[in-house]
Amino acid sequence: MSNAHTVFCALYRWRLHPGAEQAFVQAWSRVTPLLVSERGSLGSRLHRGPDDIWYSYTQWPSAEAKAEGLARPSVDPEAWAQLRGAIAESLPEIILEPVADFLVPLPHDVA
């Protein structure tokens, strides 16, 4: 990966309120493409773990780009409120240093 050291990557983790999973996925699916098209995000993947924790891996061109992109008014206030309402607990963000990248993009119909 030629730009591995310039990309900002983070892992986010949450416990969701029981029954809020579908609302969380729907809101996530609304917000993420807007962050890509309007704020310069390089996208993210959302995962559900066997430990009842939800995980998101996200990339931005830099830490500064992430900070600037998220400092502006929300791209979709209703979806952000839906996300926040689904979250029972947010665990600390983990900053990741890209070292090697062999991830193949998922087809858009996977979900």
PDB file of N, CA and C in Angstrom:
ATOM      1  N   MET A   1       0.864  -1.178   0.000  1.00  0.00           N
ATOM      2  CA  MET A   1       0.000   0.000   0.000  1.00  0.00           C
ATOM      3  C   MET A   1       0.900   1.226   0.000  1.00  0.00           C
ATOM      4  N   SER A   2       0.863   1.996  -1.046  1.00  0.00           N
ATOM      5  CA  SER A   2       1.820   3.093  -1.191  1.00  0.00           C
ATOM      6  C   SER A   2       1.557   4.258  -0.249  1.00  0.00           C
ATOM      7  N   ASN A   3       0.318   4.501   0.122  1.00  0.00           N
ATOM      8  CA  ASN A   3       0.009   5.644   0.989  1.00  0.00           C
ATOM      9  C   ASN A   3      -0.354   5.210   2.402  1.00  0.00           C
ATOM     10  N   ALA A   4       0.113   4.057   2.835  1.00  0.00           N
ATOM     11  CA  ALA A   4      -0.288   3.507   4.126  1.00  0.00           C
ATOM     12  C   ALA A   4      -0.016   4.455   5.284  1.00  0.00           C
ATOM     13  N   HIS A   5       1.032   5.227   5.219  1.00  0.00           N
ATOM     14  CA  HIS A   5       1.388   6.058   6.366  1.00  0.00           C
ATOM     15  C   HIS A   5       0.709   7.422   6.362  1.00  0.00           C
ATOM     16  N   THR A   6      -0.004   7.754   5.300  1.00  0.00           N
ATOM     17  CA  THR A   6      -0.714   9.028   5.293  1.00  0.00           C
ATOM     18  C   THR A   6      -2.189   8.863   5.628  1.00  0.00           C
ATOM     19  N   VAL A   7      -2.701   7.637   5.591  1.00  0.00           N
ATOM     20  CA  VAL A   7      -4.114   7.381   5.839  1.00  0.00           C
ATOM     21  C   VAL A   7      -4.368   7.265   7.338  1.00  0.00           C
ATOM     22  N   PHE A   8      -5.498   7.829   7.782  1.00  0.00           N
ATOM     23  CA  PHE A   8      -5.916   7.727   9.175  1.00  0.00           C
ATOM     24  C   PHE A   8      -6.947   6.611   9.263  1.00  0.00           C
ATOM     25  N   CYS A   9      -6.723   5.656  10.136  1.00  0.00           N
ATOM     26  CA  CYS A   9      -7.640   4.535  10.327  1.00  0.00           C
ATOM     27  C   CYS A   9      -8.012   4.438  11.803  1.00  0.00           C
ATOM     28  N   ALA A  10      -9.240   4.076  12.046  1.00  0.00           N
ATOM     29  CA  ALA A  10      -9.690   3.921  13.425  1.00  0.00           C
ATOM     30  C   ALA A  10     -10.698   2.790  13.508  1.00  0.00           C
ATOM     31  N   LEU A  11     -10.763   2.217  14.691  1.00  0.00           N
ATOM     32  CA  LEU A  11     -11.728   1.181  14.998  1.00  0.00           C
ATOM     33  C   LEU A  11     -12.650   1.738  16.076  1.00  0.00           C
ATOM     34  N   TYR A  12     -13.944   1.683  15.811  1.00  0.00           N
ATOM     35  CA  TYR A  12     -14.955   2.141  16.765  1.00  0.00           C
ATOM     36  C   TYR A  12     -15.736   0.933  17.239  1.00  0.00           C
ATOM     37  N   ARG A  13     -16.195   0.979  18.495  1.00  0.00           N
ATOM     38  CA  ARG A  13     -16.911  -0.149  19.083  1.00  0.00           C
ATOM     39  C   ARG A  13     -18.080   0.355  19.922  1.00  0.00           C
ATOM     40  N   TRP A  14     -19.198  -0.366  19.814  1.00  0.00           N
ATOM     41  CA  TRP A  14     -20.390   0.005  20.569  1.00  0.00           C
ATOM     42  C   TRP A  14     -21.142  -1.229  21.038  1.00  0.00           C
ATOM     43  N   ARG A  15     -21.843  -1.059  22.136  1.00  0.00           N
ATOM     44  CA  ARG A  15     -22.904  -1.980  22.542  1.00  0.00           C
ATOM     45  C   ARG A  15     -24.207  -1.250  22.231  1.00  0.00           C
ATOM     46  N   LEU A  16     -25.117  -1.941  21.590  1.00  0.00           N
ATOM     47  CA  LEU A  16     -26.376  -1.323  21.191  1.00  0.00           C
ATOM     48  C   LEU A  16     -27.493  -1.737  22.136  1.00  0.00           C
ATOM     49  N   HIS A  17     -28.512  -0.900  22.182  1.00  0.00           N
ATOM     50  CA  HIS A  17     -29.713  -1.256  22.939  1.00  0.00           C
ATOM     51  C   HIS A  17     -30.380  -2.444  22.236  1.00  0.00           C
ATOM     52  N   PRO A  18     -30.876  -3.416  22.998  1.00  0.00           N
ATOM     53  CA  PRO A  18     -31.574  -4.545  22.375  1.00  0.00           C
ATOM     54  C   PRO A  18     -32.717  -4.055  21.494  1.00  0.00           C
ATOM     55  N   GLY A  19     -32.802  -4.596  20.305  1.00  0.00           N
ATOM     56  CA  GLY A  19     -33.850  -4.216  19.366  1.00  0.00           C
ATOM     57  C   GLY A  19     -33.509  -3.022  18.498  1.00  0.00           C
ATOM     58  N   ALA A  20     -32.376  -2.357  18.746  1.00  0.00           N
ATOM     59  CA  ALA A  20     -32.008  -1.158  17.983  1.00  0.00           C
ATOM     60  C   ALA A  20     -31.052  -1.455  16.832  1.00  0.00           C
ATOM     61  N   GLU A  21     -30.737  -2.717  16.627  1.00  0.00           N
ATOM     62  CA  GLU A  21     -29.723  -3.081  15.636  1.00  0.00           C
ATOM     63  C   GLU A  21     -30.084  -2.633  14.220  1.00  0.00           C
ATOM     64  N   GLN A  22     -31.304  -2.895  13.799  1.00  0.00           N
ATOM     65  CA  GLN A  22     -31.702  -2.537  12.432  1.00  0.00           C
ATOM     66  C   GLN A  22     -31.706  -1.023  12.236  1.00  0.00           C
ATOM     67  N   ALA A  23     -32.166  -0.273  13.213  1.00  0.00           N
ATOM     68  CA  ALA A  23     -32.153   1.191  13.117  1.00  0.00           C
ATOM     69  C   ALA A  23     -30.717   1.704  13.024  1.00  0.00           C
ATOM     70  N   PHE A  24     -29.812   1.082  13.766  1.00  0.00           N
ATOM     71  CA  PHE A  24     -28.404   1.474  13.731  1.00  0.00           C
ATOM     72  C   PHE A  24     -27.827   1.223  12.336  1.00  0.00           C
ATOM     73  N   VAL A  25     -28.073   0.052  11.786  1.00  0.00           N
ATOM     74  CA  VAL A  25     -27.558  -0.286  10.448  1.00  0.00           C
ATOM     75  C   VAL A  25     -28.135   0.665   9.401  1.00  0.00           C
ATOM     76  N   GLN A  26     -29.417   0.955   9.491  1.00  0.00           N
ATOM     77  CA  GLN A  26     -30.040   1.869   8.530  1.00  0.00           C
ATOM     78  C   GLN A  26     -29.425   3.268   8.613  1.00  0.00           C
ATOM     79  N   ALA A  27     -29.261   3.767   9.817  1.00  0.00           N
ATOM     80  CA  ALA A  27     -28.673   5.100   9.986  1.00  0.00           C
ATOM     81  C   ALA A  27     -27.222   5.105   9.523  1.00  0.00           C
ATOM     82  N   TRP A  28     -26.470   4.064   9.871  1.00  0.00           N
ATOM     83  CA  TRP A  28     -25.072   3.958   9.443  1.00  0.00           C
ATOM     84  C   TRP A  28     -24.990   3.971   7.921  1.00  0.00           C
ATOM     85  N   SER A  29     -25.909   3.272   7.292  1.00  0.00           N
ATOM     86  CA  SER A  29     -25.937   3.177   5.835  1.00  0.00           C
ATOM     87  C   SER A  29     -26.322   4.497   5.173  1.00  0.00           C
ATOM     88  N   ARG A  30     -26.978   5.370   5.881  1.00  0.00           N
ATOM     89  CA  ARG A  30     -27.286   6.713   5.364  1.00  0.00           C
ATOM     90  C   ARG A  30     -26.113   7.660   5.549  1.00  0.00           C
ATOM     91  N   VAL A  31     -25.490   7.617   6.729  1.00  0.00           N
ATOM     92  CA  VAL A  31     -24.439   8.574   7.067  1.00  0.00           C
ATOM     93  C   VAL A  31     -23.137   8.309   6.306  1.00  0.00           C
ATOM     94  N   THR A  32     -22.728   7.057   6.215  1.00  0.00           N
ATOM     95  CA  THR A  32     -21.419   6.732   5.657  1.00  0.00           C
ATOM     96  C   THR A  32     -21.236   7.221   4.221  1.00  0.00           C
ATOM     97  N   PRO A  33     -22.165   6.956   3.294  1.00  0.00           N
ATOM     98  CA  PRO A  33     -21.962   7.470   1.930  1.00  0.00           C
ATOM     99  C   PRO A  33     -21.908   9.001   1.864  1.00  0.00           C
ATOM    100  N   LEU A  34     -22.635   9.663   2.771  1.00  0.00           N
ATOM    101  CA  LEU A  34     -22.590  11.132   2.804  1.00  0.00           C
ATOM    102  C   LEU A  34     -21.232  11.629   3.291  1.00  0.00           C
ATOM    103  N   LEU A  35     -20.652  10.931   4.265  1.00  0.00           N
ATOM    104  CA  LEU A  35     -19.307  11.314   4.721  1.00  0.00           C
ATOM    105  C   LEU A  35     -18.287  11.120   3.605  1.00  0.00           C
ATOM    106  N   VAL A  36     -18.485  10.107   2.779  1.00  0.00           N
ATOM    107  CA  VAL A  36     -17.589   9.880   1.637  1.00  0.00           C
ATOM    108  C   VAL A  36     -17.765  10.988   0.606  1.00  0.00           C
ATOM    109  N   SER A  37     -19.002  11.251   0.196  1.00  0.00           N
ATOM    110  CA  SER A  37     -19.240  12.206  -0.891  1.00  0.00           C
ATOM    111  C   SER A  37     -19.113  13.667  -0.483  1.00  0.00           C
ATOM    112  N   GLU A  38     -19.429  13.989   0.785  1.00  0.00           N
ATOM    113  CA  GLU A  38     -19.446  15.395   1.193  1.00  0.00           C
ATOM    114  C   GLU A  38     -18.300  15.805   2.111  1.00  0.00           C
ATOM    115  N   ARG A  39     -17.622  14.851   2.740  1.00  0.00           N
ATOM    116  CA  ARG A  39     -16.598  15.196   3.726  1.00  0.00           C
ATOM    117  C   ARG A  39     -15.230  14.594   3.444  1.00  0.00           C
ATOM    118  N   GLY A  40     -15.115  13.763   2.406  1.00  0.00           N
ATOM    119  CA  GLY A  40     -13.817  13.219   2.051  1.00  0.00           C
ATOM    120  C   GLY A  40     -13.411  11.948   2.779  1.00  0.00           C
ATOM    121  N   SER A  41     -14.325  11.327   3.514  1.00  0.00           N
ATOM    122  CA  SER A  41     -14.022  10.047   4.151  1.00  0.00           C
ATOM    123  C   SER A  41     -13.674   9.027   3.080  1.00  0.00           C
ATOM    124  N   LEU A  42     -12.853   8.069   3.441  1.00  0.00           N
ATOM    125  CA  LEU A  42     -12.508   6.974   2.532  1.00  0.00           C
ATOM    126  C   LEU A  42     -13.376   5.747   2.790  1.00  0.00           C
ATOM    127  N   GLY A  43     -14.423   5.933   3.576  1.00  0.00           N
ATOM    128  CA  GLY A  43     -15.380   4.865   3.810  1.00  0.00           C
ATOM    129  C   GLY A  43     -15.146   4.116   5.105  1.00  0.00           C
ATOM    130  N   SER A  44     -16.013   3.146   5.330  1.00  0.00           N
ATOM    131  CA  SER A  44     -15.941   2.354   6.548  1.00  0.00           C
ATOM    132  C   SER A  44     -16.631   1.021   6.318  1.00  0.00           C
ATOM    133  N   ARG A  45     -16.406   0.123   7.235  1.00  0.00           N
ATOM    134  CA  ARG A  45     -17.118  -1.149   7.264  1.00  0.00           C
ATOM    135  C   ARG A  45     -17.691  -1.311   8.661  1.00  0.00           C
ATOM    136  N   LEU A  46     -18.909  -1.826   8.717  1.00  0.00           N
ATOM    137  CA  LEU A  46     -19.587  -2.069   9.978  1.00  0.00           C
ATOM    138  C   LEU A  46     -19.679  -3.571  10.179  1.00  0.00           C
ATOM    139  N   HIS A  47     -19.340  -4.018  11.386  1.00  0.00           N
ATOM    140  CA  HIS A  47     -19.327  -5.437  11.707  1.00  0.00           C
ATOM    141  C   HIS A  47     -20.068  -5.682  13.021  1.00  0.00           C
ATOM    142  N   ARG A  48     -20.671  -6.847  13.114  1.00  0.00           N
ATOM    143  CA  ARG A  48     -21.257  -7.293  14.374  1.00  0.00           C
ATOM    144  C   ARG A  48     -20.393  -8.451  14.871  1.00  0.00           C
ATOM    145  N   GLY A  49     -19.922  -8.361  16.104  1.00  0.00           N
ATOM    146  CA  GLY A  49     -19.081  -9.409  16.663  1.00  0.00           C
ATOM    147  C   GLY A  49     -19.879 -10.422  17.448  1.00  0.00           C
ATOM    148  N   PRO A  50     -19.298 -11.594  17.687  1.00  0.00           N
ATOM    149  CA  PRO A  50     -19.977 -12.625  18.463  1.00  0.00           C
ATOM    150  C   PRO A  50     -20.110 -12.261  19.946  1.00  0.00           C
ATOM    151  N   ASP A  51     -19.478 -11.155  20.336  1.00  0.00           N
ATOM    152  CA  ASP A  51     -19.488 -10.684  21.724  1.00  0.00           C
ATOM    153  C   ASP A  51     -20.553  -9.623  21.976  1.00  0.00           C
ATOM    154  N   ASP A  52     -21.487  -9.469  21.020  1.00  0.00           N
ATOM    155  CA  ASP A  52     -22.548  -8.460  21.108  1.00  0.00           C
ATOM    156  C   ASP A  52     -22.008  -7.041  21.039  1.00  0.00           C
ATOM    157  N   ILE A  53     -20.809  -6.901  20.536  1.00  0.00           N
ATOM    158  CA  ILE A  53     -20.240  -5.575  20.286  1.00  0.00           C
ATOM    159  C   ILE A  53     -20.251  -5.338  18.777  1.00  0.00           C
ATOM    160  N   TRP A  54     -20.599  -4.121  18.399  1.00  0.00           N
ATOM    161  CA  TRP A  54     -20.574  -3.713  16.993  1.00  0.00           C
ATOM    162  C   TRP A  54     -19.278  -2.962  16.758  1.00  0.00           C
ATOM    163  N   TYR A  55     -18.671  -3.195  15.608  1.00  0.00           N
ATOM    164  CA  TYR A  55     -17.363  -2.634  15.265  1.00  0.00           C
ATOM    165  C   TYR A  55     -17.458  -1.900  13.938  1.00  0.00           C
ATOM    166  N   SER A  56     -16.735  -0.792  13.835  1.00  0.00           N
ATOM    167  CA  SER A  56     -16.599  -0.104  12.560  1.00  0.00           C
ATOM    168  C   SER A  56     -15.133   0.215  12.338  1.00  0.00           C
ATOM    169  N   TYR A  57     -14.684  -0.109  11.164  1.00  0.00           N
ATOM    170  CA  TYR A  57     -13.345   0.261  10.719  1.00  0.00           C
ATOM    171  C   TYR A  57     -13.534   1.396   9.729  1.00  0.00           C
ATOM    172  N   THR A  58     -12.852   2.505   9.935  1.00  0.00           N
ATOM    173  CA  THR A  58     -13.014   3.664   9.067  1.00  0.00           C
ATOM    174  C   THR A  58     -11.668   4.197   8.621  1.00  0.00           C
ATOM    175  N   GLN A  59     -11.658   4.810   7.457  1.00  0.00           N
ATOM    176  CA  GLN A  59     -10.446   5.429   6.926  1.00  0.00           C
ATOM    177  C   GLN A  59     -10.749   6.857   6.470  1.00  0.00           C
ATOM    178  N   TRP A  60      -9.772   7.709   6.677  1.00  0.00           N
ATOM    179  CA  TRP A  60      -9.799   9.091   6.212  1.00  0.00           C
ATOM    180  C   TRP A  60      -8.433   9.382   5.600  1.00  0.00           C
ATOM    181  N   PRO A  61      -8.318  10.380   4.743  1.00  0.00           N
ATOM    182  CA  PRO A  61      -7.009  10.702   4.169  1.00  0.00           C
ATOM    183  C   PRO A  61      -5.965  11.060   5.229  1.00  0.00           C
ATOM    184  N   SER A  62      -6.429  11.620   6.362  1.00  0.00           N
ATOM    185  CA  SER A  62      -5.522  12.004   7.451  1.00  0.00           C
ATOM    186  C   SER A  62      -6.355  12.254   8.696  1.00  0.00           C
ATOM    187  N   ALA A  63      -5.685  12.352   9.836  1.00  0.00           N
ATOM    188  CA  ALA A  63      -6.381  12.694  11.077  1.00  0.00           C
ATOM    189  C   ALA A  63      -7.006  14.081  10.964  1.00  0.00           C
ATOM    190  N   GLU A  64      -6.302  14.981  10.291  1.00  0.00           N
ATOM    191  CA  GLU A  64      -6.821  16.339  10.114  1.00  0.00           C
ATOM    192  C   GLU A  64      -8.087  16.337   9.264  1.00  0.00           C
ATOM    193  N   ALA A  65      -8.101  15.536   8.201  1.00  0.00           N
ATOM    194  CA  ALA A  65      -9.281  15.457   7.340  1.00  0.00           C
ATOM    195  C   ALA A  65     -10.483  14.921   8.126  1.00  0.00           C
ATOM    196  N   LYS A  66     -10.250  13.933   8.991  1.00  0.00           N
ATOM    197  CA  LYS A  66     -11.332  13.403   9.826  1.00  0.00           C
ATOM    198  C   LYS A  66     -11.849  14.486  10.766  1.00  0.00           C
ATOM    199  N   ALA A  67     -10.937  15.165  11.444  1.00  0.00           N
ATOM    200  CA  ALA A  67     -11.334  16.207  12.387  1.00  0.00           C
ATOM    201  C   ALA A  67     -12.122  17.313  11.681  1.00  0.00           C
ATOM    202  N   GLU A  68     -11.645  17.748  10.532  1.00  0.00           N
ATOM    203  CA  GLU A  68     -12.339  18.797   9.769  1.00  0.00           C
ATOM    204  C   GLU A  68     -13.691  18.304   9.267  1.00  0.00           C
ATOM    205  N   GLY A  69     -13.733  17.084   8.762  1.00  0.00           N
ATOM    206  CA  GLY A  69     -14.982  16.539   8.225  1.00  0.00           C
ATOM    207  C   GLY A  69     -16.057  16.382   9.269  1.00  0.00           C
ATOM    208  N   LEU A  70     -15.661  15.994  10.471  1.00  0.00           N
ATOM    209  CA  LEU A  70     -16.645  15.782  11.526  1.00  0.00           C
ATOM    210  C   LEU A  70     -16.933  17.034  12.348  1.00  0.00           C
ATOM    211  N   ALA A  71     -16.123  18.069  12.211  1.00  0.00           N
ATOM    212  CA  ALA A  71     -16.343  19.318  12.942  1.00  0.00           C
ATOM    213  C   ALA A  71     -17.476  20.143  12.326  1.00  0.00           C
ATOM    214  N   ARG A  72     -17.733  19.932  11.066  1.00  0.00           N
ATOM    215  CA  ARG A  72     -18.792  20.667  10.379  1.00  0.00           C
ATOM    216  C   ARG A  72     -20.160  20.140  10.803  1.00  0.00           C
ATOM    217  N   PRO A  73     -21.228  20.883  10.511  1.00  0.00           N
ATOM    218  CA  PRO A  73     -22.571  20.408  10.864  1.00  0.00           C
ATOM    219  C   PRO A  73     -22.842  19.018  10.267  1.00  0.00           C
ATOM    220  N   SER A  74     -23.676  18.271  10.926  1.00  0.00           N
ATOM    221  CA  SER A  74     -23.972  16.896  10.536  1.00  0.00           C
ATOM    222  C   SER A  74     -24.433  16.786   9.088  1.00  0.00           C
ATOM    223  N   VAL A  75     -23.991  15.722   8.417  1.00  0.00           N
ATOM    224  CA  VAL A  75     -24.436  15.467   7.045  1.00  0.00           C
ATOM    225  C   VAL A  75     -25.884  14.991   7.010  1.00  0.00           C
ATOM    226  N   ASP A  76     -26.369  14.442   8.114  1.00  0.00           N
ATOM    227  CA  ASP A  76     -27.749  13.940   8.205  1.00  0.00           C
ATOM    228  C   ASP A  76     -28.132  13.909   9.683  1.00  0.00           C
ATOM    229  N   PRO A  77     -28.613  15.037  10.219  1.00  0.00           N
ATOM    230  CA  PRO A  77     -28.915  15.101  11.648  1.00  0.00           C
ATOM    231  C   PRO A  77     -29.881  14.018  12.132  1.00  0.00           C
ATOM    232  N   GLU A  78     -30.867  13.676  11.331  1.00  0.00           N
ATOM    233  CA  GLU A  78     -31.842  12.656  11.731  1.00  0.00           C
ATOM    234  C   GLU A  78     -31.151  11.290  11.873  1.00  0.00           C
ATOM    235  N   ALA A  79     -30.291  10.936  10.929  1.00  0.00           N
ATOM    236  CA  ALA A  79     -29.585   9.653  11.001  1.00  0.00           C
ATOM    237  C   ALA A  79     -28.603   9.640  12.173  1.00  0.00           C
ATOM    238  N   TRP A  80     -27.904  10.773  12.421  1.00  0.00           N
ATOM    239  CA  TRP A  80     -26.992  10.827  13.572  1.00  0.00           C
ATOM    240  C   TRP A  80     -27.764  10.621  14.874  1.00  0.00           C
ATOM    241  N   ALA A  81     -28.952  11.214  14.976  1.00  0.00           N
ATOM    242  CA  ALA A  81     -29.772  11.035  16.179  1.00  0.00           C
ATOM    243  C   ALA A  81     -30.205   9.577  16.312  1.00  0.00           C
ATOM    244  N   GLN A  82     -30.520   8.941  15.195  1.00  0.00           N
ATOM    245  CA  GLN A  82     -30.897   7.531  15.199  1.00  0.00           C
ATOM    246  C   GLN A  82     -29.717   6.672  15.662  1.00  0.00           C
ATOM    247  N   LEU A  83     -28.508   6.984  15.194  1.00  0.00           N
ATOM    248  CA  LEU A  83     -27.311   6.262  15.641  1.00  0.00           C
ATOM    249  C   LEU A  83     -27.113   6.414  17.141  1.00  0.00           C
ATOM    250  N   ARG A  84     -27.141   7.650  17.613  1.00  0.00           N
ATOM    251  CA  ARG A  84     -26.928   7.909  19.039  1.00  0.00           C
ATOM    252  C   ARG A  84     -27.984   7.216  19.895  1.00  0.00           C
ATOM    253  N   GLY A  85     -29.222   7.211  19.420  1.00  0.00           N
ATOM    254  CA  GLY A  85     -30.290   6.575  20.169  1.00  0.00           C
ATOM    255  C   GLY A  85     -30.159   5.064  20.259  1.00  0.00           C
ATOM    256  N   ALA A  86     -29.489   4.463  19.298  1.00  0.00           N
ATOM    257  CA  ALA A  86     -29.310   3.006  19.288  1.00  0.00           C
ATOM    258  C   ALA A  86     -28.153   2.558  20.172  1.00  0.00           C
ATOM    259  N   ILE A  87     -27.252   3.468  20.499  1.00  0.00           N
ATOM    260  CA  ILE A  87     -26.032   3.111  21.228  1.00  0.00           C
ATOM    261  C   ILE A  87     -26.281   3.114  22.730  1.00  0.00           C
ATOM    262  N   ALA A  88     -26.037   1.969  23.346  1.00  0.00           N
ATOM    263  CA  ALA A  88     -26.120   1.861  24.801  1.00  0.00           C
ATOM    264  C   ALA A  88     -24.789   2.233  25.441  1.00  0.00           C
ATOM    265  N   GLU A  89     -23.680   1.903  24.769  1.00  0.00           N
ATOM    266  CA  GLU A  89     -22.347   2.194  25.298  1.00  0.00           C
ATOM    267  C   GLU A  89     -21.366   2.348  24.148  1.00  0.00           C
ATOM    268  N   SER A  90     -20.581   3.422  24.187  1.00  0.00           N
ATOM    269  CA  SER A  90     -19.490   3.628  23.226  1.00  0.00           C
ATOM    270  C   SER A  90     -18.178   3.299  23.914  1.00  0.00           C
ATOM    271  N   LEU A  91     -17.413   2.429  23.308  1.00  0.00           N
ATOM    272  CA  LEU A  91     -16.096   2.075  23.829  1.00  0.00           C
ATOM    273  C   LEU A  91     -15.057   2.994  23.200  1.00  0.00           C
ATOM    274  N   PRO A  92     -13.883   3.144  23.803  1.00  0.00           N
ATOM    275  CA  PRO A  92     -12.884   4.082  23.277  1.00  0.00           C
ATOM    276  C   PRO A  92     -12.455   3.762  21.843  1.00  0.00           C
ATOM    277  N   GLU A  93     -12.259   4.823  21.076  1.00  0.00           N
ATOM    278  CA  GLU A  93     -11.739   4.713  19.720  1.00  0.00           C
ATOM    279  C   GLU A  93     -10.324   4.139  19.768  1.00  0.00           C
ATOM    280  N   ILE A  94      -9.995   3.286  18.805  1.00  0.00           N
ATOM    281  CA  ILE A  94      -8.649   2.740  18.681  1.00  0.00           C
ATOM    282  C   ILE A  94      -8.064   3.238  17.365  1.00  0.00           C
ATOM    283  N   ILE A  95      -6.970   3.980  17.440  1.00  0.00           N
ATOM    284  CA  ILE A  95      -6.291   4.475  16.240  1.00  0.00           C
ATOM    285  C   ILE A  95      -5.374   3.369  15.741  1.00  0.00           C
ATOM    286  N   LEU A  96      -5.459   3.089  14.455  1.00  0.00           N
ATOM    287  CA  LEU A  96      -4.695   2.007  13.849  1.00  0.00           C
ATOM    288  C   LEU A  96      -3.664   2.571  12.874  1.00  0.00           C
ATOM    289  N   GLU A  97      -2.491   1.991  12.874  1.00  0.00           N
ATOM    290  CA  GLU A  97      -1.448   2.380  11.926  1.00  0.00           C
ATOM    291  C   GLU A  97      -1.421   1.370  10.783  1.00  0.00           C
ATOM    292  N   PRO A  98      -1.785   1.796   9.570  1.00  0.00           N
ATOM    293  CA  PRO A  98      -1.734   0.880   8.436  1.00  0.00           C
ATOM    294  C   PRO A  98      -0.291   0.454   8.162  1.00  0.00           C
ATOM    295  N   VAL A  99      -0.094  -0.843   7.982  1.00  0.00           N
ATOM    296  CA  VAL A  99       1.232  -1.382   7.717  1.00  0.00           C
ATOM    297  C   VAL A  99       1.248  -2.091   6.360  1.00  0.00           C
ATOM    298  N   ALA A 100       0.224  -2.879   6.085  1.00  0.00           N
ATOM    299  CA  ALA A 100       0.070  -3.559   4.794  1.00  0.00           C
ATOM    300  C   ALA A 100      -1.419  -3.680   4.521  1.00  0.00           C
ATOM    301  N   ASP A 101      -1.819  -3.551   3.272  1.00  0.00           N
ATOM    302  CA  ASP A 101      -3.237  -3.542   2.928  1.00  0.00           C
ATOM    303  C   ASP A 101      -3.477  -4.478   1.747  1.00  0.00           C
ATOM    304  N   PHE A 102      -4.222  -5.540   1.987  1.00  0.00           N
ATOM    305  CA  PHE A 102      -4.585  -6.482   0.938  1.00  0.00           C
ATOM    306  C   PHE A 102      -6.092  -6.704   0.920  1.00  0.00           C
ATOM    307  N   LEU A 103      -6.834  -5.773   1.513  1.00  0.00           N
ATOM    308  CA  LEU A 103      -8.281  -5.891   1.595  1.00  0.00           C
ATOM    309  C   LEU A 103      -8.899  -5.636   0.215  1.00  0.00           C
ATOM    310  N   VAL A 104      -9.760  -6.525  -0.206  1.00  0.00           N
ATOM    311  CA  VAL A 104     -10.467  -6.394  -1.482  1.00  0.00           C
ATOM    312  C   VAL A 104     -11.808  -5.731  -1.181  1.00  0.00           C
ATOM    313  N   PRO A 105     -12.185  -4.702  -1.930  1.00  0.00           N
ATOM    314  CA  PRO A 105     -13.491  -4.069  -1.684  1.00  0.00           C
ATOM    315  C   PRO A 105     -14.628  -5.080  -1.785  1.00  0.00           C
ATOM    316  N   LEU A 106     -15.591  -4.952  -0.884  1.00  0.00           N
ATOM    317  CA  LEU A 106     -16.767  -5.811  -0.917  1.00  0.00           C
ATOM    318  C   LEU A 106     -17.684  -5.400  -2.056  1.00  0.00           C
ATOM    319  N   PRO A 107     -18.384  -6.348  -2.664  1.00  0.00           N
ATOM    320  CA  PRO A 107     -19.411  -5.966  -3.640  1.00  0.00           C
ATOM    321  C   PRO A 107     -20.487  -5.147  -2.928  1.00  0.00           C
ATOM    322  N   HIS A 108     -21.123  -4.235  -3.608  1.00  0.00           N
ATOM    323  CA  HIS A 108     -22.095  -3.346  -2.964  1.00  0.00           C
ATOM    324  C   HIS A 108     -23.347  -4.082  -2.510  1.00  0.00           C
ATOM    325  N   ASP A 109     -23.603  -5.287  -3.014  1.00  0.00           N
ATOM    326  CA  ASP A 109     -24.811  -6.003  -2.603  1.00  0.00           C
ATOM    327  C   ASP A 109     -24.593  -6.876  -1.383  1.00  0.00           C
ATOM    328  N   VAL A 110     -23.404  -6.808  -0.754  1.00  0.00           N
ATOM    329  CA  VAL A 110     -23.123  -7.557   0.472  1.00  0.00           C
ATOM    330  C   VAL A 110     -23.625  -6.767   1.660  1.00  0.00           C
ATOM    331  N   ALA A 111     -24.435  -7.374   2.473  1.00  0.00           N
ATOM    332  CA  ALA A 111     -24.905  -6.733   3.719  1.00  0.00           C
ATOM    333  C   ALA A 111     -25.923  -7.592   4.394  1.00  0.00           C
TER     334      ALA A 111
END
